[in-house]
Amino acid sequence: MNMSKARKGLLALCGMVAVGLGAAGIFLPLLPTTPFLLLAAACFFRSSDRLYNWLITHRWFGRYIRQYREHRAISRQTKVATLVLLWGTLAFSGLVVLEVLWGRLLLLAVGVGVTMHIMSMKTLK
């Protein structure tokens, strides 16, 4: 099946957006890094060998994809860093930034959900 140039271009653009969101997720605990990088890898795989190879061999991003593809797991260090950043950011936002109870409860619910998801993943040794 021959894919059109427009479709490949759209997939490559979606992949670049996903890489950007994945990169932001490294620093913003409410954005998940690995799912966005996996999405980017899937988009690049279907649109550009050059972008796909760049992503899976990238110094920082490639590690997330390889760990997940090979082991369906993340490292203990990644789990700890993610949870510390998550709860630190949520605590600051809930105690300093937000004044409404429903906003604080929403942050708490998001934190519990993300924590459960992170903890449910296998841990690399």
PDB file of N, CA and C in Angstrom:
ATOM      1  N   MET A   1       0.846  -1.173   0.000  1.00  0.00           N
ATOM      2  CA  MET A   1       0.000   0.000   0.000  1.00  0.00           C
ATOM      3  C   MET A   1       0.898   1.245   0.000  1.00  0.00           C
ATOM      4  N   ASN A   2       0.667   2.118  -0.934  1.00  0.00           N
ATOM      5  CA  ASN A   2       1.466   3.328  -1.075  1.00  0.00           C
ATOM      6  C   ASN A   2       0.774   4.487  -0.360  1.00  0.00           C
ATOM      7  N   MET A   3       1.488   5.068   0.597  1.00  0.00           N
ATOM      8  CA  MET A   3       0.920   6.150   1.370  1.00  0.00           C
ATOM      9  C   MET A   3       1.229   7.479   0.687  1.00  0.00           C
ATOM     10  N   SER A   4       0.238   8.358   0.643  1.00  0.00           N
ATOM     11  CA  SER A   4       0.425   9.645  -0.018  1.00  0.00           C
ATOM     12  C   SER A   4       1.410  10.520   0.755  1.00  0.00           C
ATOM     13  N   LYS A   5       2.008  11.469   0.014  1.00  0.00           N
ATOM     14  CA  LYS A   5       2.941  12.405   0.640  1.00  0.00           C
ATOM     15  C   LYS A   5       2.245  13.234   1.706  1.00  0.00           C
ATOM     16  N   ALA A   6       1.006  13.618   1.448  1.00  0.00           N
ATOM     17  CA  ALA A   6       0.269  14.444   2.412  1.00  0.00           C
ATOM     18  C   ALA A   6       0.044  13.676   3.713  1.00  0.00           C
ATOM     19  N   ARG A   7      -0.302  12.405   3.587  1.00  0.00           N
ATOM     20  CA  ARG A   7      -0.538  11.598   4.784  1.00  0.00           C
ATOM     21  C   ARG A   7       0.757  11.384   5.568  1.00  0.00           C
ATOM     22  N   LYS A   8       1.842  11.128   4.854  1.00  0.00           N
ATOM     23  CA  LYS A   8       3.140  10.978   5.521  1.00  0.00           C
ATOM     24  C   LYS A   8       3.545  12.271   6.211  1.00  0.00           C
ATOM     25  N   GLY A   9       3.304  13.395   5.548  1.00  0.00           N
ATOM     26  CA  GLY A   9       3.612  14.692   6.146  1.00  0.00           C
ATOM     27  C   GLY A   9       2.787  14.948   7.403  1.00  0.00           C
ATOM     28  N   LEU A  10       1.521  14.581   7.359  1.00  0.00           N
ATOM     29  CA  LEU A  10       0.650  14.756   8.528  1.00  0.00           C
ATOM     30  C   LEU A  10       1.104  13.858   9.683  1.00  0.00           C
ATOM     31  N   LEU A  11       1.465  12.630   9.365  1.00  0.00           N
ATOM     32  CA  LEU A  11       1.978  11.726  10.406  1.00  0.00           C
ATOM     33  C   LEU A  11       3.289  12.238  10.997  1.00  0.00           C
ATOM     34  N   ALA A  12       4.164  12.762  10.152  1.00  0.00           N
ATOM     35  CA  ALA A  12       5.429  13.309  10.647  1.00  0.00           C
ATOM     36  C   ALA A  12       5.166  14.519  11.545  1.00  0.00           C
ATOM     37  N   LEU A  13       4.228  15.376  11.157  1.00  0.00           N
ATOM     38  CA  LEU A  13       3.875  16.526  11.985  1.00  0.00           C
ATOM     39  C   LEU A  13       3.293  16.079  13.328  1.00  0.00           C
ATOM     40  N   CYS A  14       2.394  15.101  13.298  1.00  0.00           N
ATOM     41  CA  CYS A  14       1.830  14.569  14.547  1.00  0.00           C
ATOM     42  C   CYS A  14       2.936  13.978  15.424  1.00  0.00           C
ATOM     43  N   GLY A  15       3.885  13.312  14.807  1.00  0.00           N
ATOM     44  CA  GLY A  15       5.003  12.754  15.551  1.00  0.00           C
ATOM     45  C   GLY A  15       5.839  13.838  16.208  1.00  0.00           C
ATOM     46  N   MET A  16       6.076  14.933  15.504  1.00  0.00           N
ATOM     47  CA  MET A  16       6.855  16.029  16.078  1.00  0.00           C
ATOM     48  C   MET A  16       6.118  16.680  17.253  1.00  0.00           C
ATOM     49  N   VAL A  17       4.806  16.840  17.108  1.00  0.00           N
ATOM     50  CA  VAL A  17       4.014  17.385  18.221  1.00  0.00           C
ATOM     51  C   VAL A  17       4.091  16.432  19.417  1.00  0.00           C
ATOM     52  N   ALA A  18       3.984  15.146  19.152  1.00  0.00           N
ATOM     53  CA  ALA A  18       4.065  14.155  20.229  1.00  0.00           C
ATOM     54  C   ALA A  18       5.435  14.180  20.914  1.00  0.00           C
ATOM     55  N   VAL A  19       6.507  14.362  20.134  1.00  0.00           N
ATOM     56  CA  VAL A  19       7.842  14.479  20.738  1.00  0.00           C
ATOM     57  C   VAL A  19       7.889  15.710  21.642  1.00  0.00           C
ATOM     58  N   GLY A  20       7.330  16.814  21.183  1.00  0.00           N
ATOM     59  CA  GLY A  20       7.294  18.032  21.997  1.00  0.00           C
ATOM     60  C   GLY A  20       6.538  17.829  23.295  1.00  0.00           C
ATOM     61  N   LEU A  21       5.392  17.164  23.220  1.00  0.00           N
ATOM     62  CA  LEU A  21       4.617  16.893  24.432  1.00  0.00           C
ATOM     63  C   LEU A  21       5.345  15.908  25.338  1.00  0.00           C
ATOM     64  N   GLY A  22       6.008  14.921  24.745  1.00  0.00           N
ATOM     65  CA  GLY A  22       6.788  13.970  25.540  1.00  0.00           C
ATOM     66  C   GLY A  22       7.946  14.657  26.240  1.00  0.00           C
ATOM     67  N   ALA A  23       8.604  15.572  25.537  1.00  0.00           N
ATOM     68  CA  ALA A  23       9.710  16.324  26.149  1.00  0.00           C
ATOM     69  C   ALA A  23       9.186  17.187  27.296  1.00  0.00           C
ATOM     70  N   ALA A  24       8.045  17.820  27.090  1.00  0.00           N
ATOM     71  CA  ALA A  24       7.452  18.617  28.166  1.00  0.00           C
ATOM     72  C   ALA A  24       7.091  17.729  29.353  1.00  0.00           C
ATOM     73  N   GLY A  25       6.670  16.496  29.064  1.00  0.00           N
ATOM     74  CA  GLY A  25       6.308  15.563  30.123  1.00  0.00           C
ATOM     75  C   GLY A  25       7.459  15.157  31.017  1.00  0.00           C
ATOM     76  N   ILE A  26       8.678  15.321  30.542  1.00  0.00           N
ATOM     77  CA  ILE A  26       9.840  15.042  31.385  1.00  0.00           C
ATOM     78  C   ILE A  26       9.867  16.025  32.550  1.00  0.00           C
ATOM     79  N   PHE A  27       9.430  17.259  32.299  1.00  0.00           N
ATOM     80  CA  PHE A  27       9.494  18.311  33.300  1.00  0.00           C
ATOM     81  C   PHE A  27       8.150  18.627  33.939  1.00  0.00           C
ATOM     82  N   LEU A  28       7.058  18.311  33.263  1.00  0.00           N
ATOM     83  CA  LEU A  28       5.715  18.575  33.785  1.00  0.00           C
ATOM     84  C   LEU A  28       5.058  17.251  34.143  1.00  0.00           C
ATOM     85  N   PRO A  29       4.922  16.973  35.412  1.00  0.00           N
ATOM     86  CA  PRO A  29       4.479  15.643  35.823  1.00  0.00           C
ATOM     87  C   PRO A  29       3.059  15.275  35.405  1.00  0.00           C
ATOM     88  N   LEU A  30       2.242  16.220  35.012  1.00  0.00           N
ATOM     89  CA  LEU A  30       0.896  15.868  34.579  1.00  0.00           C
ATOM     90  C   LEU A  30       0.863  15.380  33.140  1.00  0.00           C
ATOM     91  N   LEU A  31       1.939  15.589  32.393  1.00  0.00           N
ATOM     92  CA  LEU A  31       2.034  15.077  31.029  1.00  0.00           C
ATOM     93  C   LEU A  31       2.853  13.790  31.036  1.00  0.00           C
ATOM     94  N   PRO A  32       2.290  12.726  30.524  1.00  0.00           N
ATOM     95  CA  PRO A  32       3.054  11.473  30.493  1.00  0.00           C
ATOM     96  C   PRO A  32       4.074  11.481  29.356  1.00  0.00           C
ATOM     97  N   THR A  33       5.292  11.121  29.641  1.00  0.00           N
ATOM     98  CA  THR A  33       6.348  11.140  28.633  1.00  0.00           C
ATOM     99  C   THR A  33       6.272   9.944  27.700  1.00  0.00           C
ATOM    100  N   THR A  34       6.277   8.743  28.264  1.00  0.00           N
ATOM    101  CA  THR A  34       6.388   7.523  27.451  1.00  0.00           C
ATOM    102  C   THR A  34       5.267   7.372  26.426  1.00  0.00           C
ATOM    103  N   PRO A  35       3.986   7.568  26.777  1.00  0.00           N
ATOM    104  CA  PRO A  35       2.945   7.407  25.746  1.00  0.00           C
ATOM    105  C   PRO A  35       3.115   8.360  24.565  1.00  0.00           C
ATOM    106  N   PHE A  36       3.518   9.604  24.835  1.00  0.00           N
ATOM    107  CA  PHE A  36       3.724  10.541  23.732  1.00  0.00           C
ATOM    108  C   PHE A  36       4.902  10.120  22.861  1.00  0.00           C
ATOM    109  N   LEU A  37       5.962   9.633  23.474  1.00  0.00           N
ATOM    110  CA  LEU A  37       7.114   9.194  22.680  1.00  0.00           C
ATOM    111  C   LEU A  37       6.793   7.924  21.893  1.00  0.00           C
ATOM    112  N   LEU A  38       5.982   7.047  22.464  1.00  0.00           N
ATOM    113  CA  LEU A  38       5.550   5.865  21.715  1.00  0.00           C
ATOM    114  C   LEU A  38       4.661   6.260  20.535  1.00  0.00           C
ATOM    115  N   LEU A  39       3.794   7.248  20.749  1.00  0.00           N
ATOM    116  CA  LEU A  39       2.962   7.754  19.653  1.00  0.00           C
ATOM    117  C   LEU A  39       3.848   8.354  18.565  1.00  0.00           C
ATOM    118  N   ALA A  40       4.839   9.133  18.971  1.00  0.00           N
ATOM    119  CA  ALA A  40       5.754   9.725  17.995  1.00  0.00           C
ATOM    120  C   ALA A  40       6.475   8.632  17.206  1.00  0.00           C
ATOM    121  N   ALA A  41       6.929   7.600  17.903  1.00  0.00           N
ATOM    122  CA  ALA A  41       7.615   6.502  17.223  1.00  0.00           C
ATOM    123  C   ALA A  41       6.695   5.835  16.197  1.00  0.00           C
ATOM    124  N   ALA A  42       5.446   5.627  16.571  1.00  0.00           N
ATOM    125  CA  ALA A  42       4.491   5.012  15.639  1.00  0.00           C
ATOM    126  C   ALA A  42       4.260   5.910  14.426  1.00  0.00           C
ATOM    127  N   CYS A  43       4.113   7.207  14.651  1.00  0.00           N
ATOM    128  CA  CYS A  43       3.917   8.148  13.538  1.00  0.00           C
ATOM    129  C   CYS A  43       5.144   8.179  12.629  1.00  0.00           C
ATOM    130  N   PHE A  44       6.322   8.255  13.222  1.00  0.00           N
ATOM    131  CA  PHE A  44       7.546   8.303  12.425  1.00  0.00           C
ATOM    132  C   PHE A  44       7.787   6.990  11.690  1.00  0.00           C
ATOM    133  N   PHE A  45       7.453   5.862  12.319  1.00  0.00           N
ATOM    134  CA  PHE A  45       7.639   4.559  11.690  1.00  0.00           C
ATOM    135  C   PHE A  45       6.854   4.489  10.383  1.00  0.00           C
ATOM    136  N   ARG A  46       5.673   5.114  10.385  1.00  0.00           N
ATOM    137  CA  ARG A  46       4.807   5.080   9.211  1.00  0.00           C
ATOM    138  C   ARG A  46       5.082   6.208   8.210  1.00  0.00           C
ATOM    139  N   SER A  47       5.928   7.172   8.614  1.00  0.00           N
ATOM    140  CA  SER A  47       6.105   8.319   7.724  1.00  0.00           C
ATOM    141  C   SER A  47       7.548   8.607   7.323  1.00  0.00           C
ATOM    142  N   SER A  48       8.513   8.345   8.209  1.00  0.00           N
ATOM    143  CA  SER A  48       9.880   8.772   7.908  1.00  0.00           C
ATOM    144  C   SER A  48      10.892   7.888   8.626  1.00  0.00           C
ATOM    145  N   ASP A  49      11.670   7.131   7.851  1.00  0.00           N
ATOM    146  CA  ASP A  49      12.735   6.306   8.436  1.00  0.00           C
ATOM    147  C   ASP A  49      13.750   7.173   9.170  1.00  0.00           C
ATOM    148  N   ARG A  50      14.060   8.331   8.591  1.00  0.00           N
ATOM    149  CA  ARG A  50      15.044   9.222   9.202  1.00  0.00           C
ATOM    150  C   ARG A  50      14.575   9.708  10.583  1.00  0.00           C
ATOM    151  N   LEU A  51      13.330  10.161  10.694  1.00  0.00           N
ATOM    152  CA  LEU A  51      12.811  10.635  11.981  1.00  0.00           C
ATOM    153  C   LEU A  51      12.674   9.492  12.990  1.00  0.00           C
ATOM    154  N   TYR A  52      12.251   8.332  12.510  1.00  0.00           N
ATOM    155  CA  TYR A  52      12.115   7.176  13.402  1.00  0.00           C
ATOM    156  C   TYR A  52      13.473   6.783  13.985  1.00  0.00           C
ATOM    157  N   ASN A  53      14.480   6.689  13.122  1.00  0.00           N
ATOM    158  CA  ASN A  53      15.822   6.333  13.596  1.00  0.00           C
ATOM    159  C   ASN A  53      16.387   7.391  14.536  1.00  0.00           C
ATOM    160  N   TRP A  54      16.120   8.667  14.239  1.00  0.00           N
ATOM    161  CA  TRP A  54      16.559   9.741  15.128  1.00  0.00           C
ATOM    162  C   TRP A  54      15.938   9.563  16.519  1.00  0.00           C
ATOM    163  N   LEU A  55      14.650   9.282  16.550  1.00  0.00           N
ATOM    164  CA  LEU A  55      13.947   9.180  17.830  1.00  0.00           C
ATOM    165  C   LEU A  55      14.413   7.986  18.653  1.00  0.00           C
ATOM    166  N   ILE A  56      14.499   6.820  18.041  1.00  0.00           N
ATOM    167  CA  ILE A  56      14.846   5.638  18.841  1.00  0.00           C
ATOM    168  C   ILE A  56      16.318   5.598  19.242  1.00  0.00           C
ATOM    169  N   THR A  57      17.145   6.422  18.591  1.00  0.00           N
ATOM    170  CA  THR A  57      18.552   6.481  18.996  1.00  0.00           C
ATOM    171  C   THR A  57      18.875   7.773  19.744  1.00  0.00           C
ATOM    172  N   HIS A  58      17.869   8.591  19.988  1.00  0.00           N
ATOM    173  CA  HIS A  58      18.088   9.866  20.672  1.00  0.00           C
ATOM    174  C   HIS A  58      18.641   9.632  22.077  1.00  0.00           C
ATOM    175  N   ARG A  59      19.537  10.493  22.482  1.00  0.00           N
ATOM    176  CA  ARG A  59      20.233  10.356  23.771  1.00  0.00           C
ATOM    177  C   ARG A  59      19.264  10.265  24.952  1.00  0.00           C
ATOM    178  N   TRP A  60      18.207  11.070  24.961  1.00  0.00           N
ATOM    179  CA  TRP A  60      17.261  11.069  26.087  1.00  0.00           C
ATOM    180  C   TRP A  60      15.969  10.335  25.752  1.00  0.00           C
ATOM    181  N   PHE A  61      15.383  10.612  24.596  1.00  0.00           N
ATOM    182  CA  PHE A  61      14.078  10.050  24.270  1.00  0.00           C
ATOM    183  C   PHE A  61      14.135   8.573  23.930  1.00  0.00           C
ATOM    184  N   GLY A  62      15.212   8.139  23.304  1.00  0.00           N
ATOM    185  CA  GLY A  62      15.326   6.751  22.874  1.00  0.00           C
ATOM    186  C   GLY A  62      15.234   5.771  24.028  1.00  0.00           C
ATOM    187  N   ARG A  63      15.758   6.169  25.166  1.00  0.00           N
ATOM    188  CA  ARG A  63      15.748   5.293  26.350  1.00  0.00           C
ATOM    189  C   ARG A  63      14.318   4.944  26.761  1.00  0.00           C
ATOM    190  N   TYR A  64      13.419   5.918  26.776  1.00  0.00           N
ATOM    191  CA  TYR A  64      12.024   5.657  27.160  1.00  0.00           C
ATOM    192  C   TYR A  64      11.382   4.639  26.224  1.00  0.00           C
ATOM    193  N   ILE A  65      11.610   4.826  24.944  1.00  0.00           N
ATOM    194  CA  ILE A  65      10.999   3.936  23.954  1.00  0.00           C
ATOM    195  C   ILE A  65      11.592   2.539  24.041  1.00  0.00           C
ATOM    196  N   ARG A  66      12.913   2.448  24.116  1.00  0.00           N
ATOM    197  CA  ARG A  66      13.552   1.128  24.197  1.00  0.00           C
ATOM    198  C   ARG A  66      13.122   0.378  25.449  1.00  0.00           C
ATOM    199  N   GLN A  67      13.102   1.042  26.597  1.00  0.00           N
ATOM    200  CA  GLN A  67      12.699   0.376  27.839  1.00  0.00           C
ATOM    201  C   GLN A  67      11.280  -0.163  27.726  1.00  0.00           C
ATOM    202  N   TYR A  68      10.401   0.642  27.200  1.00  0.00           N
ATOM    203  CA  TYR A  68       9.017   0.204  27.110  1.00  0.00           C
ATOM    204  C   TYR A  68       8.853  -0.897  26.065  1.00  0.00           C
ATOM    205  N   ARG A  69       9.491  -0.744  24.898  1.00  0.00           N
ATOM    206  CA  ARG A  69       9.356  -1.752  23.839  1.00  0.00           C
ATOM    207  C   ARG A  69       9.966  -3.080  24.237  1.00  0.00           C
ATOM    208  N   GLU A  70      11.123  -3.047  24.884  1.00  0.00           N
ATOM    209  CA  GLU A  70      11.827  -4.283  25.212  1.00  0.00           C
ATOM    210  C   GLU A  70      11.296  -4.958  26.471  1.00  0.00           C
ATOM    211  N   HIS A  71      10.866  -4.171  27.451  1.00  0.00           N
ATOM    212  CA  HIS A  71      10.521  -4.750  28.750  1.00  0.00           C
ATOM    213  C   HIS A  71       9.107  -4.429  29.225  1.00  0.00           C
ATOM    214  N   ARG A  72       8.399  -3.546  28.525  1.00  0.00           N
ATOM    215  CA  ARG A  72       7.091  -3.069  29.000  1.00  0.00           C
ATOM    216  C   ARG A  72       7.206  -2.573  30.437  1.00  0.00           C
ATOM    217  N   ALA A  73       8.285  -1.823  30.721  1.00  0.00           N
ATOM    218  CA  ALA A  73       8.578  -1.372  32.081  1.00  0.00           C
ATOM    219  C   ALA A  73       9.351  -0.058  32.038  1.00  0.00           C
ATOM    220  N   ILE A  74       9.431   0.593  33.212  1.00  0.00           N
ATOM    221  CA  ILE A  74      10.252   1.790  33.355  1.00  0.00           C
ATOM    222  C   ILE A  74      11.170   1.590  34.556  1.00  0.00           C
ATOM    223  N   SER A  75      12.239   2.349  34.592  1.00  0.00           N
ATOM    224  CA  SER A  75      13.219   2.174  35.658  1.00  0.00           C
ATOM    225  C   SER A  75      12.693   2.713  36.995  1.00  0.00           C
ATOM    226  N   ARG A  76      13.271   2.216  38.078  1.00  0.00           N
ATOM    227  CA  ARG A  76      12.913   2.698  39.420  1.00  0.00           C
ATOM    228  C   ARG A  76      13.217   4.192  39.525  1.00  0.00           C
ATOM    229  N   GLN A  77      14.347   4.603  38.961  1.00  0.00           N
ATOM    230  CA  GLN A  77      14.736   6.012  38.991  1.00  0.00           C
ATOM    231  C   GLN A  77      13.688   6.889  38.305  1.00  0.00           C
ATOM    232  N   THR A  78      13.167   6.431  37.170  1.00  0.00           N
ATOM    233  CA  THR A  78      12.141   7.189  36.456  1.00  0.00           C
ATOM    234  C   THR A  78      10.859   7.252  37.277  1.00  0.00           C
ATOM    235  N   LYS A  79      10.493   6.135  37.900  1.00  0.00           N
ATOM    236  CA  LYS A  79       9.292   6.137  38.746  1.00  0.00           C
ATOM    237  C   LYS A  79       9.431   7.123  39.900  1.00  0.00           C
ATOM    238  N   VAL A  80      10.546   7.062  40.596  1.00  0.00           N
ATOM    239  CA  VAL A  80      10.758   7.942  41.755  1.00  0.00           C
ATOM    240  C   VAL A  80      10.758   9.404  41.321  1.00  0.00           C
ATOM    241  N   ALA A  81      11.505   9.719  40.265  1.00  0.00           N
ATOM    242  CA  ALA A  81      11.579  11.106  39.798  1.00  0.00           C
ATOM    243  C   ALA A  81      10.206  11.610  39.371  1.00  0.00           C
ATOM    244  N   THR A  82       9.456  10.769  38.671  1.00  0.00           N
ATOM    245  CA  THR A  82       8.126  11.153  38.220  1.00  0.00           C
ATOM    246  C   THR A  82       7.213  11.444  39.401  1.00  0.00           C
ATOM    247  N   LEU A  83       7.215  10.564  40.398  1.00  0.00           N
ATOM    248  CA  LEU A  83       6.313  10.744  41.538  1.00  0.00           C
ATOM    249  C   LEU A  83       6.720  11.928  42.413  1.00  0.00           C
ATOM    250  N   VAL A  84       8.016  12.141  42.580  1.00  0.00           N
ATOM    251  CA  VAL A  84       8.470  13.296  43.365  1.00  0.00           C
ATOM    252  C   VAL A  84       8.067  14.601  42.667  1.00  0.00           C
ATOM    253  N   LEU A  85       8.319  14.681  41.361  1.00  0.00           N
ATOM    254  CA  LEU A  85       7.929  15.879  40.615  1.00  0.00           C
ATOM    255  C   LEU A  85       6.413  16.052  40.593  1.00  0.00           C
ATOM    256  N   LEU A  86       5.701  14.956  40.393  1.00  0.00           N
ATOM    257  CA  LEU A  86       4.239  15.008  40.360  1.00  0.00           C
ATOM    258  C   LEU A  86       3.693  15.596  41.654  1.00  0.00           C
ATOM    259  N   TRP A  87       4.045  14.994  42.783  1.00  0.00           N
ATOM    260  CA  TRP A  87       3.465  15.417  44.057  1.00  0.00           C
ATOM    261  C   TRP A  87       4.009  16.765  44.504  1.00  0.00           C
ATOM    262  N   GLY A  88       5.241  17.092  44.151  1.00  0.00           N
ATOM    263  CA  GLY A  88       5.769  18.421  44.462  1.00  0.00           C
ATOM    264  C   GLY A  88       5.010  19.510  43.724  1.00  0.00           C
ATOM    265  N   THR A  89       4.786  19.282  42.433  1.00  0.00           N
ATOM    266  CA  THR A  89       4.045  20.244  41.627  1.00  0.00           C
ATOM    267  C   THR A  89       2.597  20.349  42.074  1.00  0.00           C
ATOM    268  N   LEU A  90       1.979  19.209  42.338  1.00  0.00           N
ATOM    269  CA  LEU A  90       0.582  19.231  42.791  1.00  0.00           C
ATOM    270  C   LEU A  90       0.444  19.913  44.145  1.00  0.00           C
ATOM    271  N   ALA A  91       1.369  19.653  45.051  1.00  0.00           N
ATOM    272  CA  ALA A  91       1.312  20.285  46.374  1.00  0.00           C
ATOM    273  C   ALA A  91       1.462  21.801  46.243  1.00  0.00           C
ATOM    274  N   PHE A  92       2.432  22.232  45.454  1.00  0.00           N
ATOM    275  CA  PHE A  92       2.613  23.675  45.256  1.00  0.00           C
ATOM    276  C   PHE A  92       1.354  24.294  44.645  1.00  0.00           C
ATOM    277  N   SER A  93       0.834  23.656  43.590  1.00  0.00           N
ATOM    278  CA  SER A  93      -0.354  24.190  42.921  1.00  0.00           C
ATOM    279  C   SER A  93      -1.562  24.204  43.848  1.00  0.00           C
ATOM    280  N   GLY A  94      -1.737  23.129  44.595  1.00  0.00           N
ATOM    281  CA  GLY A  94      -2.901  23.026  45.470  1.00  0.00           C
ATOM    282  C   GLY A  94      -2.837  23.929  46.684  1.00  0.00           C
ATOM    283  N   LEU A  95      -1.638  24.178  47.193  1.00  0.00           N
ATOM    284  CA  LEU A  95      -1.513  24.980  48.412  1.00  0.00           C
ATOM    285  C   LEU A  95      -1.246  26.460  48.148  1.00  0.00           C
ATOM    286  N   VAL A  96      -0.564  26.764  47.043  1.00  0.00           N
ATOM    287  CA  VAL A  96      -0.163  28.144  46.788  1.00  0.00           C
ATOM    288  C   VAL A  96      -0.993  28.796  45.680  1.00  0.00           C
ATOM    289  N   VAL A  97      -1.245  28.053  44.612  1.00  0.00           N
ATOM    290  CA  VAL A  97      -1.879  28.647  43.442  1.00  0.00           C
ATOM    291  C   VAL A  97      -3.401  28.612  43.523  1.00  0.00           C
ATOM    292  N   LEU A  98      -3.953  27.466  43.810  1.00  0.00           N
ATOM    293  CA  LEU A  98      -5.410  27.309  43.808  1.00  0.00           C
ATOM    294  C   LEU A  98      -6.011  27.674  45.156  1.00  0.00           C
ATOM    295  N   GLU A  99      -7.160  28.323  45.082  1.00  0.00           N
ATOM    296  CA  GLU A  99      -7.857  28.665  46.311  1.00  0.00           C
ATOM    297  C   GLU A  99      -9.202  27.959  46.419  1.00  0.00           C
ATOM    298  N   VAL A 100      -9.656  27.365  45.326  1.00  0.00           N
ATOM    299  CA  VAL A 100     -10.979  26.725  45.334  1.00  0.00           C
ATOM    300  C   VAL A 100     -10.847  25.241  45.666  1.00  0.00           C
ATOM    301  N   LEU A 101     -11.757  24.763  46.461  1.00  0.00           N
ATOM    302  CA  LEU A 101     -11.711  23.375  46.916  1.00  0.00           C
ATOM    303  C   LEU A 101     -11.830  22.393  45.756  1.00  0.00           C
ATOM    304  N   TRP A 102     -12.727  22.650  44.802  1.00  0.00           N
ATOM    305  CA  TRP A 102     -12.919  21.697  43.706  1.00  0.00           C
ATOM    306  C   TRP A 102     -11.638  21.560  42.879  1.00  0.00           C
ATOM    307  N   GLY A 103     -10.877  22.639  42.732  1.00  0.00           N
ATOM    308  CA  GLY A 103      -9.608  22.569  42.002  1.00  0.00           C
ATOM    309  C   GLY A 103      -8.590  21.720  42.725  1.00  0.00           C
ATOM    310  N   ARG A 104      -8.541  21.878  44.038  1.00  0.00           N
ATOM    311  CA  ARG A 104      -7.626  21.069  44.841  1.00  0.00           C
ATOM    312  C   ARG A 104      -8.014  19.598  44.801  1.00  0.00           C
ATOM    313  N   LEU A 105      -9.305  19.333  44.845  1.00  0.00           N
ATOM    314  CA  LEU A 105      -9.776  17.941  44.774  1.00  0.00           C
ATOM    315  C   LEU A 105      -9.473  17.333  43.407  1.00  0.00           C
ATOM    316  N   LEU A 106      -9.600  18.133  42.363  1.00  0.00           N
ATOM    317  CA  LEU A 106      -9.276  17.656  41.016  1.00  0.00           C
ATOM    318  C   LEU A 106      -7.795  17.312  40.919  1.00  0.00           C
ATOM    319  N   LEU A 107      -6.931  18.174  41.460  1.00  0.00           N
ATOM    320  CA  LEU A 107      -5.494  17.881  41.464  1.00  0.00           C
ATOM    321  C   LEU A 107      -5.196  16.606  42.242  1.00  0.00           C
ATOM    322  N   LEU A 108      -5.848  16.430  43.363  1.00  0.00           N
ATOM    323  CA  LEU A 108      -5.657  15.220  44.162  1.00  0.00           C
ATOM    324  C   LEU A 108      -6.064  13.978  43.370  1.00  0.00           C
ATOM    325  N   ALA A 109      -7.210  14.057  42.687  1.00  0.00           N
ATOM    326  CA  ALA A 109      -7.678  12.921  41.892  1.00  0.00           C
ATOM    327  C   ALA A 109      -6.704  12.599  40.758  1.00  0.00           C
ATOM    328  N   VAL A 110      -6.195  13.634  40.083  1.00  0.00           N
ATOM    329  CA  VAL A 110      -5.220  13.426  39.005  1.00  0.00           C
ATOM    330  C   VAL A 110      -3.954  12.794  39.576  1.00  0.00           C
ATOM    331  N   GLY A 111      -3.495  13.293  40.718  1.00  0.00           N
ATOM    332  CA  GLY A 111      -2.293  12.752  41.348  1.00  0.00           C
ATOM    333  C   GLY A 111      -2.443  11.294  41.721  1.00  0.00           C
ATOM    334  N   VAL A 112      -3.580  10.944  42.288  1.00  0.00           N
ATOM    335  CA  VAL A 112      -3.824   9.549  42.665  1.00  0.00           C
ATOM    336  C   VAL A 112      -3.874   8.675  41.411  1.00  0.00           C
ATOM    337  N   GLY A 113      -4.554   9.148  40.370  1.00  0.00           N
ATOM    338  CA  GLY A 113      -4.656   8.374  39.131  1.00  0.00           C
ATOM    339  C   GLY A 113      -3.308   8.151  38.469  1.00  0.00           C
ATOM    340  N   VAL A 114      -2.509   9.202  38.368  1.00  0.00           N
ATOM    341  CA  VAL A 114      -1.185   9.078  37.747  1.00  0.00           C
ATOM    342  C   VAL A 114      -0.284   8.183  38.596  1.00  0.00           C
ATOM    343  N   THR A 115      -0.358   8.345  39.912  1.00  0.00           N
ATOM    344  CA  THR A 115       0.444   7.499  40.801  1.00  0.00           C
ATOM    345  C   THR A 115       0.083   6.031  40.635  1.00  0.00           C
ATOM    346  N   MET A 116      -1.215   5.737  40.575  1.00  0.00           N
ATOM    347  CA  MET A 116      -1.647   4.345  40.391  1.00  0.00           C
ATOM    348  C   MET A 116      -1.133   3.793  39.066  1.00  0.00           C
ATOM    349  N   HIS A 117      -1.183   4.608  38.028  1.00  0.00           N
ATOM    350  CA  HIS A 117      -0.709   4.160  36.719  1.00  0.00           C
ATOM    351  C   HIS A 117       0.802   3.878  36.759  1.00  0.00           C
ATOM    352  N   ILE A 118       1.572   4.809  37.318  1.00  0.00           N
ATOM    353  CA  ILE A 118       3.027   4.633  37.396  1.00  0.00           C
ATOM    354  C   ILE A 118       3.375   3.397  38.214  1.00  0.00           C
ATOM    355  N   MET A 119       2.709   3.232  39.339  1.00  0.00           N
ATOM    356  CA  MET A 119       3.012   2.101  40.208  1.00  0.00           C
ATOM    357  C   MET A 119       2.565   0.768  39.608  1.00  0.00           C
ATOM    358  N   SER A 120       1.604   0.798  38.703  1.00  0.00           N
ATOM    359  CA  SER A 120       1.134  -0.448  38.086  1.00  0.00           C
ATOM    360  C   SER A 120       2.098  -0.964  37.008  1.00  0.00           C
ATOM    361  N   MET A 121       2.974  -0.098  36.543  1.00  0.00           N
ATOM    362  CA  MET A 121       3.940  -0.515  35.524  1.00  0.00           C
ATOM    363  C   MET A 121       5.058  -1.331  36.167  1.00  0.00           C
ATOM    364  N   LYS A 122       5.573  -2.283  35.419  1.00  0.00           N
ATOM    365  CA  LYS A 122       6.696  -3.083  35.913  1.00  0.00           C
ATOM    366  C   LYS A 122       7.909  -2.178  36.081  1.00  0.00           C
ATOM    367  N   THR A 123       8.757  -2.559  37.036  1.00  0.00           N
ATOM    368  CA  THR A 123       9.962  -1.787  37.309  1.00  0.00           C
ATOM    369  C   THR A 123      11.178  -2.534  36.784  1.00  0.00           C
ATOM    370  N   LEU A 124      11.989  -1.826  35.994  1.00  0.00           N
ATOM    371  CA  LEU A 124      13.240  -2.411  35.507  1.00  0.00           C
ATOM    372  C   LEU A 124      14.223  -2.501  36.650  1.00  0.00           C
ATOM    373  N   LYS A 125      14.991  -3.560  36.674  1.00  0.00           N
ATOM    374  CA  LYS A 125      16.005  -3.726  37.700  1.00  0.00           C
ATOM    375  C   LYS A 125      17.318  -3.163  37.228  1.00  0.00           C
TER     376      LYS A 125
END
